[in-house]
Amino acid sequence: MFTGLIREVGEVVWLRRTDQTVQLLLRAPRIAPRVRTGESVAVNGCCLTVTAHRDKQMMFDLLEESLERTNLGDLRPGGAVNLERALRVDGRLGGHFVQGHVDCTAEVLALEEKGGDLRIDIALPPEFARYVAYKGSIGINGASLTVANLESDRFSVWIIPHTLENTNLGDLSPGDRVNLEFDILAKYVERLSQSQGKA
């Protein structure tokens, strides 16, 4: 479980395919020295397991499912990724409950700067539209954000300067893909409603 509060922006060292898996190596000077092998880390919002680490680097094995459902396959050396360690039981929840289970990717449609803030317009896949609510929470590349505007085929979020400086969201351009995770509470409400309808 995560909070959607990004703790470090890591740098991609490489993404390479071996005979058995796809491996991702990241440089993360703040987080890497503190993690242990087997620990969960959210990378652009996708929960991954640390398979090796030393000094300022961490390595992960990627499933084909992760590559198909997320933007991790788009990563290139030097690219920036949002990182968050798993939430401790006694930790403070400052964002919202984020599982690290990316639901889909979506295209960035437009960006607009206003003062020091940035508005990001993102396409809303129709099969997931029911999970998005005006002023509700959504995970974008692992960052917990608030839906500021909602239309049938798109939604918008506003990014403050602090978030721009401490995530990779300020690097986005129209046409880029972002990872989306929809609020788990909405999914459970839907599931309960379906169950009651069958009772």
C-alpha atoms as a PDB file:
ATOM      1  CA  MET A   1       0.000   0.000   0.000  1.00  0.00           C
ATOM      2  CA  PHE A   2       1.190   3.502  -0.887  1.00  0.00           C
ATOM      3  CA  THR A   3      -0.009   7.065  -0.345  1.00  0.00           C
ATOM      4  CA  GLY A   4       0.671   8.714  -3.692  1.00  0.00           C
ATOM      5  CA  LEU A   5       3.192  11.082  -2.115  1.00  0.00           C
ATOM      6  CA  ILE A   6       6.332  10.874  -4.247  1.00  0.00           C
ATOM      7  CA  ARG A   7       9.506  10.589  -2.156  1.00  0.00           C
ATOM      8  CA  GLU A   8      12.114  10.791  -4.910  1.00  0.00           C
ATOM      9  CA  VAL A   9      12.436  11.201  -8.659  1.00  0.00           C
ATOM     10  CA  GLY A  10      14.772   8.432  -9.793  1.00  0.00           C
ATOM     11  CA  GLU A  11      16.764   8.161 -13.000  1.00  0.00           C
ATOM     12  CA  VAL A  12      16.611   5.240 -15.420  1.00  0.00           C
ATOM     13  CA  VAL A  13      20.034   3.636 -15.881  1.00  0.00           C
ATOM     14  CA  TRP A  14      18.777   0.992 -18.280  1.00  0.00           C
ATOM     15  CA  LEU A  15      15.843  -1.217 -19.246  1.00  0.00           C
ATOM     16  CA  ARG A  16      16.955  -4.482 -20.789  1.00  0.00           C
ATOM     17  CA  ARG A  17      15.465  -7.800 -21.768  1.00  0.00           C
ATOM     18  CA  THR A  18      17.241 -11.020 -20.781  1.00  0.00           C
ATOM     19  CA  ASP A  19      16.399 -14.601 -21.757  1.00  0.00           C
ATOM     20  CA  GLN A  20      14.076 -14.907 -18.758  1.00  0.00           C
ATOM     21  CA  THR A  21      12.811 -11.441 -17.858  1.00  0.00           C
ATOM     22  CA  VAL A  22      12.971  -7.692 -18.384  1.00  0.00           C
ATOM     23  CA  GLN A  23      15.108  -5.837 -15.870  1.00  0.00           C
ATOM     24  CA  LEU A  24      14.968  -2.195 -14.838  1.00  0.00           C
ATOM     25  CA  LEU A  25      17.890  -0.472 -13.102  1.00  0.00           C
ATOM     26  CA  LEU A  26      17.295   2.888 -11.433  1.00  0.00           C
ATOM     27  CA  ARG A  27      19.519   5.424  -9.750  1.00  0.00           C
ATOM     28  CA  ALA A  28      17.843   6.681  -6.569  1.00  0.00           C
ATOM     29  CA  PRO A  29      20.359   8.226  -4.127  1.00  0.00           C
ATOM     30  CA  ARG A  30      17.829   8.797  -1.330  1.00  0.00           C
ATOM     31  CA  ILE A  31      15.755   5.614  -1.446  1.00  0.00           C
ATOM     32  CA  ALA A  32      18.168   2.943  -2.713  1.00  0.00           C
ATOM     33  CA  PRO A  33      20.488   2.945   0.346  1.00  0.00           C
ATOM     34  CA  ARG A  34      17.482   2.405   2.640  1.00  0.00           C
ATOM     35  CA  VAL A  35      15.639  -0.433   0.881  1.00  0.00           C
ATOM     36  CA  ARG A  36      16.058  -4.171   1.272  1.00  0.00           C
ATOM     37  CA  THR A  37      15.832  -6.900  -1.341  1.00  0.00           C
ATOM     38  CA  GLY A  38      12.220  -8.047  -1.542  1.00  0.00           C
ATOM     39  CA  GLU A  39      10.795  -4.675  -0.543  1.00  0.00           C
ATOM     40  CA  SER A  40       8.029  -3.059  -2.583  1.00  0.00           C
ATOM     41  CA  VAL A  41       8.618   0.265  -4.301  1.00  0.00           C
ATOM     42  CA  ALA A  42       6.132   2.121  -6.507  1.00  0.00           C
ATOM     43  CA  VAL A  43       7.805   3.122  -9.789  1.00  0.00           C
ATOM     44  CA  ASN A  44       5.613   5.574 -11.712  1.00  0.00           C
ATOM     45  CA  GLY A  45       2.811   4.157  -9.582  1.00  0.00           C
ATOM     46  CA  CYS A  46       3.497   0.493 -10.396  1.00  0.00           C
ATOM     47  CA  CYS A  47       4.305  -1.700  -7.396  1.00  0.00           C
ATOM     48  CA  LEU A  48       7.587  -3.507  -8.095  1.00  0.00           C
ATOM     49  CA  THR A  49       9.818  -5.743  -5.979  1.00  0.00           C
ATOM     50  CA  VAL A  50      13.449  -4.792  -5.383  1.00  0.00           C
ATOM     51  CA  THR A  51      15.516  -7.723  -6.677  1.00  0.00           C
ATOM     52  CA  ALA A  52      18.942  -6.187  -6.018  1.00  0.00           C
ATOM     53  CA  HIS A  53      20.370  -2.931  -4.719  1.00  0.00           C
ATOM     54  CA  ARG A  54      23.684  -1.347  -3.861  1.00  0.00           C
ATOM     55  CA  ASP A  55      24.913   2.127  -3.153  1.00  0.00           C
ATOM     56  CA  LYS A  56      22.528   4.426  -4.992  1.00  0.00           C
ATOM     57  CA  GLN A  57      20.914   1.933  -7.392  1.00  0.00           C
ATOM     58  CA  MET A  58      17.946  -0.472  -7.325  1.00  0.00           C
ATOM     59  CA  MET A  59      16.998  -3.222  -9.764  1.00  0.00           C
ATOM     60  CA  PHE A  60      13.585  -4.701 -10.554  1.00  0.00           C
ATOM     61  CA  ASP A  61      12.262  -7.550 -12.700  1.00  0.00           C
ATOM     62  CA  LEU A  62       9.252  -6.574 -14.824  1.00  0.00           C
ATOM     63  CA  LEU A  63       6.395  -8.893 -15.725  1.00  0.00           C
ATOM     64  CA  GLU A  64       4.950  -8.814 -19.241  1.00  0.00           C
ATOM     65  CA  GLU A  65       1.670  -7.783 -17.565  1.00  0.00           C
ATOM     66  CA  SER A  66       3.414  -4.717 -16.121  1.00  0.00           C
ATOM     67  CA  LEU A  67       4.895  -3.796 -19.500  1.00  0.00           C
ATOM     68  CA  GLU A  68       1.526  -4.158 -21.242  1.00  0.00           C
ATOM     69  CA  ARG A  69      -0.527  -2.238 -18.671  1.00  0.00           C
ATOM     70  CA  THR A  70       1.897   0.579 -17.766  1.00  0.00           C
ATOM     71  CA  ASN A  71       4.271   3.084 -19.354  1.00  0.00           C
ATOM     72  CA  LEU A  72       7.364   1.342 -17.930  1.00  0.00           C
ATOM     73  CA  GLY A  73       8.166  -0.140 -21.327  1.00  0.00           C
ATOM     74  CA  ASP A  74       8.531   3.411 -22.672  1.00  0.00           C
ATOM     75  CA  LEU A  75      11.392   4.218 -20.283  1.00  0.00           C
ATOM     76  CA  ARG A  76      14.764   5.192 -21.707  1.00  0.00           C
ATOM     77  CA  PRO A  77      18.156   5.784 -20.057  1.00  0.00           C
ATOM     78  CA  GLY A  78      18.187   9.149 -18.329  1.00  0.00           C
ATOM     79  CA  GLY A  79      14.410   9.245 -17.998  1.00  0.00           C
ATOM     80  CA  ALA A  80      12.780  10.295 -14.730  1.00  0.00           C
ATOM     81  CA  VAL A  81      10.496   8.041 -12.659  1.00  0.00           C
ATOM     82  CA  ASN A  82       8.402   8.788  -9.580  1.00  0.00           C
ATOM     83  CA  LEU A  83       9.334   6.648  -6.576  1.00  0.00           C
ATOM     84  CA  GLU A  84       7.614   5.839  -3.291  1.00  0.00           C
ATOM     85  CA  ARG A  85       8.397   3.180  -0.697  1.00  0.00           C
ATOM     86  CA  ALA A  86       5.511   1.156   0.726  1.00  0.00           C
ATOM     87  CA  LEU A  87       3.575   2.758   3.572  1.00  0.00           C
ATOM     88  CA  ARG A  88       4.523   1.659   7.094  1.00  0.00           C
ATOM     89  CA  VAL A  89       1.626   0.587   9.303  1.00  0.00           C
ATOM     90  CA  ASP A  90       2.364   3.483  11.651  1.00  0.00           C
ATOM     91  CA  GLY A  91       2.948   5.941   8.797  1.00  0.00           C
ATOM     92  CA  ARG A  92       0.986   9.071   7.975  1.00  0.00           C
ATOM     93  CA  LEU A  93      -1.440   8.862   5.059  1.00  0.00           C
ATOM     94  CA  GLY A  94      -1.095  12.209   3.341  1.00  0.00           C
ATOM     95  CA  GLY A  95      -2.494  11.363  -0.093  1.00  0.00           C
ATOM     96  CA  HIS A  96      -5.035   8.558  -0.612  1.00  0.00           C
ATOM     97  CA  PHE A  97      -4.890   4.766  -0.571  1.00  0.00           C
ATOM     98  CA  VAL A  98      -2.832   3.725  -3.604  1.00  0.00           C
ATOM     99  CA  GLN A  99      -2.208   0.026  -4.232  1.00  0.00           C
ATOM    100  CA  GLY A 100       0.423   0.313  -6.921  1.00  0.00           C
ATOM    101  CA  HIS A 101      -1.843  -1.641  -9.283  1.00  0.00           C
ATOM    102  CA  VAL A 102      -1.955   0.449 -12.446  1.00  0.00           C
ATOM    103  CA  ASP A 103      -5.325   0.146 -14.185  1.00  0.00           C
ATOM    104  CA  CYS A 104      -4.322   1.563 -17.553  1.00  0.00           C
ATOM    105  CA  THR A 105      -2.314   4.182 -19.373  1.00  0.00           C
ATOM    106  CA  ALA A 106      -3.828   7.282 -20.907  1.00  0.00           C
ATOM    107  CA  GLU A 107      -2.619  10.012 -23.237  1.00  0.00           C
ATOM    108  CA  VAL A 108      -1.739  13.511 -22.134  1.00  0.00           C
ATOM    109  CA  LEU A 109      -3.909  15.756 -24.311  1.00  0.00           C
ATOM    110  CA  ALA A 110      -2.798  19.256 -23.352  1.00  0.00           C
ATOM    111  CA  LEU A 111      -0.794  21.279 -20.848  1.00  0.00           C
ATOM    112  CA  GLU A 112      -1.465  24.839 -19.736  1.00  0.00           C
ATOM    113  CA  GLU A 113       0.644  26.960 -17.403  1.00  0.00           C
ATOM    114  CA  LYS A 114      -1.047  29.551 -15.234  1.00  0.00           C
ATOM    115  CA  GLY A 115       1.209  31.462 -12.891  1.00  0.00           C
ATOM    116  CA  GLY A 116       3.415  28.806 -11.318  1.00  0.00           C
ATOM    117  CA  ASP A 117       0.794  26.092 -11.674  1.00  0.00           C
ATOM    118  CA  LEU A 118       0.254  23.593 -14.484  1.00  0.00           C
ATOM    119  CA  ARG A 119      -3.010  22.124 -15.744  1.00  0.00           C
ATOM    120  CA  ILE A 120      -2.779  18.685 -17.340  1.00  0.00           C
ATOM    121  CA  ASP A 121      -5.614  17.364 -19.523  1.00  0.00           C
ATOM    122  CA  ILE A 122      -5.670  13.581 -19.822  1.00  0.00           C
ATOM    123  CA  ALA A 123      -7.808  11.276 -21.954  1.00  0.00           C
ATOM    124  CA  LEU A 124     -10.324   9.227 -19.977  1.00  0.00           C
ATOM    125  CA  PRO A 125     -10.688   5.646 -21.250  1.00  0.00           C
ATOM    126  CA  PRO A 126     -14.457   4.967 -21.426  1.00  0.00           C
ATOM    127  CA  GLU A 127     -14.233   1.623 -19.627  1.00  0.00           C
ATOM    128  CA  PHE A 128     -12.837   3.360 -16.531  1.00  0.00           C
ATOM    129  CA  ALA A 129     -14.822   6.613 -16.618  1.00  0.00           C
ATOM    130  CA  ARG A 130     -17.224   5.420 -13.900  1.00  0.00           C
ATOM    131  CA  TYR A 131     -14.382   5.438 -11.352  1.00  0.00           C
ATOM    132  CA  VAL A 132     -13.553   9.116 -11.776  1.00  0.00           C
ATOM    133  CA  ALA A 133     -15.377  11.794  -9.779  1.00  0.00           C
ATOM    134  CA  TYR A 134     -15.090  15.572  -9.767  1.00  0.00           C
ATOM    135  CA  LYS A 135     -12.840  16.532  -6.832  1.00  0.00           C
ATOM    136  CA  GLY A 136     -12.087  12.842  -6.302  1.00  0.00           C
ATOM    137  CA  SER A 137      -8.629  11.289  -5.997  1.00  0.00           C
ATOM    138  CA  ILE A 138      -6.669   9.663  -8.801  1.00  0.00           C
ATOM    139  CA  GLY A 139      -3.135   8.286  -9.099  1.00  0.00           C
ATOM    140  CA  ILE A 140      -1.135   9.643 -12.058  1.00  0.00           C
ATOM    141  CA  ASN A 141       2.350   8.143 -12.452  1.00  0.00           C
ATOM    142  CA  GLY A 142       2.008   7.256  -8.773  1.00  0.00           C
ATOM    143  CA  ALA A 143       1.193  10.776  -7.586  1.00  0.00           C
ATOM    144  CA  SER A 144      -2.034  11.322  -5.634  1.00  0.00           C
ATOM    145  CA  LEU A 145      -3.921  14.144  -7.352  1.00  0.00           C
ATOM    146  CA  THR A 146      -7.385  15.707  -7.309  1.00  0.00           C
ATOM    147  CA  VAL A 147      -9.648  15.729 -10.351  1.00  0.00           C
ATOM    148  CA  ALA A 148     -10.252  19.432 -11.070  1.00  0.00           C
ATOM    149  CA  ASN A 149     -12.417  19.073 -14.178  1.00  0.00           C
ATOM    150  CA  LEU A 150     -14.286  16.099 -15.611  1.00  0.00           C
ATOM    151  CA  GLU A 151     -15.808  15.547 -19.033  1.00  0.00           C
ATOM    152  CA  SER A 152     -17.056  12.410 -20.726  1.00  0.00           C
ATOM    153  CA  ASP A 153     -13.790  11.688 -22.512  1.00  0.00           C
ATOM    154  CA  ARG A 154     -11.166  13.566 -20.465  1.00  0.00           C
ATOM    155  CA  PHE A 155     -10.282  14.984 -17.092  1.00  0.00           C
ATOM    156  CA  SER A 156      -7.917  17.631 -15.760  1.00  0.00           C
ATOM    157  CA  VAL A 157      -5.668  18.028 -12.745  1.00  0.00           C
ATOM    158  CA  TRP A 158      -3.756  21.065 -11.507  1.00  0.00           C
ATOM    159  CA  ILE A 159      -0.153  20.710 -10.382  1.00  0.00           C
ATOM    160  CA  ILE A 160       1.341  23.161  -7.880  1.00  0.00           C
ATOM    161  CA  PRO A 161       5.012  24.234  -8.071  1.00  0.00           C
ATOM    162  CA  HIS A 162       6.070  21.878  -5.247  1.00  0.00           C
ATOM    163  CA  THR A 163       4.650  18.877  -7.122  1.00  0.00           C
ATOM    164  CA  LEU A 164       6.252  20.039 -10.360  1.00  0.00           C
ATOM    165  CA  GLU A 165       9.649  20.196  -8.666  1.00  0.00           C
ATOM    166  CA  ASN A 166       9.342  16.861  -6.866  1.00  0.00           C
ATOM    167  CA  THR A 167       7.770  14.570  -9.488  1.00  0.00           C
ATOM    168  CA  ASN A 168       8.229  13.812 -13.178  1.00  0.00           C
ATOM    169  CA  LEU A 169       4.868  15.378 -14.089  1.00  0.00           C
ATOM    170  CA  GLY A 170       6.511  18.634 -15.123  1.00  0.00           C
ATOM    171  CA  ASP A 171       8.387  16.740 -17.863  1.00  0.00           C
ATOM    172  CA  LEU A 172       5.212  15.658 -19.646  1.00  0.00           C
ATOM    173  CA  SER A 173       4.317  16.645 -23.197  1.00  0.00           C
ATOM    174  CA  PRO A 174       1.129  16.143 -25.220  1.00  0.00           C
ATOM    175  CA  GLY A 175       1.061  12.589 -26.544  1.00  0.00           C
ATOM    176  CA  ASP A 176       2.953  11.088 -23.582  1.00  0.00           C
ATOM    177  CA  ARG A 177       1.388   8.152 -21.763  1.00  0.00           C
ATOM    178  CA  VAL A 178       0.799   8.284 -18.020  1.00  0.00           C
ATOM    179  CA  ASN A 179      -0.089   5.480 -15.631  1.00  0.00           C
ATOM    180  CA  LEU A 180      -3.524   5.761 -14.031  1.00  0.00           C
ATOM    181  CA  GLU A 181      -4.764   4.071 -10.882  1.00  0.00           C
ATOM    182  CA  PHE A 182      -8.360   4.728  -9.952  1.00  0.00           C
ATOM    183  CA  ASP A 183      -9.577   5.043  -6.368  1.00  0.00           C
ATOM    184  CA  ILE A 184      -9.960   1.613  -4.754  1.00  0.00           C
ATOM    185  CA  LEU A 185     -12.976   2.869  -2.782  1.00  0.00           C
ATOM    186  CA  ALA A 186     -14.906   3.426  -6.033  1.00  0.00           C
ATOM    187  CA  LYS A 187     -14.102  -0.122  -7.133  1.00  0.00           C
ATOM    188  CA  TYR A 188     -15.348  -1.613  -3.864  1.00  0.00           C
ATOM    189  CA  VAL A 189     -18.539   0.455  -3.963  1.00  0.00           C
ATOM    190  CA  GLU A 190     -19.194  -0.857  -7.473  1.00  0.00           C
ATOM    191  CA  ARG A 191     -18.490  -4.426  -6.407  1.00  0.00           C
ATOM    192  CA  LEU A 192     -20.802  -4.172  -3.378  1.00  0.00           C
ATOM    193  CA  SER A 193     -23.561  -2.704  -5.510  1.00  0.00           C
ATOM    194  CA  GLN A 194     -23.257  -5.564  -7.984  1.00  0.00           C
ATOM    195  CA  SER A 195     -23.359  -8.123  -5.178  1.00  0.00           C
ATOM    196  CA  GLN A 196     -26.458  -6.580  -3.629  1.00  0.00           C
ATOM    197  CA  GLY A 197     -28.182  -6.580  -6.992  1.00  0.00           C
ATOM    198  CA  LYS A 198     -27.697 -10.355  -7.238  1.00  0.00           C
ATOM    199  CA  ALA A 199     -28.916 -11.065  -3.697  1.00  0.00           C
END
